[in-house]
Amino acid sequence: GFNSDDYGTLLRKQINLQYFLDTIRVRFDKSVIAGSHEKATSEQISTSTIEEAYESIAVSLSDILYNMLITTLTSSAGPSVTLGERDVGALVATLTECPLGSVCAHVVTTTI
């Protein structure tokens, strides 16, 4: 059967962790979030609703990243050690590129 521990392995085979982090960083940069707030204001959507949506997205993304990372770090396969080091390095590098308080920083810190 397929259990929840298999999701990390499945995801890990489908997408590179660095690419996933870059996508999060670019997609949720401050200009995108600022644009969402402006659109919400013009469409009478509360800012708290937007913030809750981003919080939910951040939690889901960190769960995905955590599953991908834990799969690599707990694997006994030889290449996984190097891959695990690269993944942790990617998380740290991404954190240095994200402004604190951003969705990206939240995702990375929650994952770590």
Foldseek 3Di string as FASTA:
>chain_A
DDDPLCLLVVVLVVDQLLVLLVCCCVCFAPVNLVVVVVVCVVVVHDPVVSVVVLVVVLVVLLVNSLSNLVNLVPDPDPVSVVSNVVNVVSLVVSCVVGDPPTSSVSSSVSND
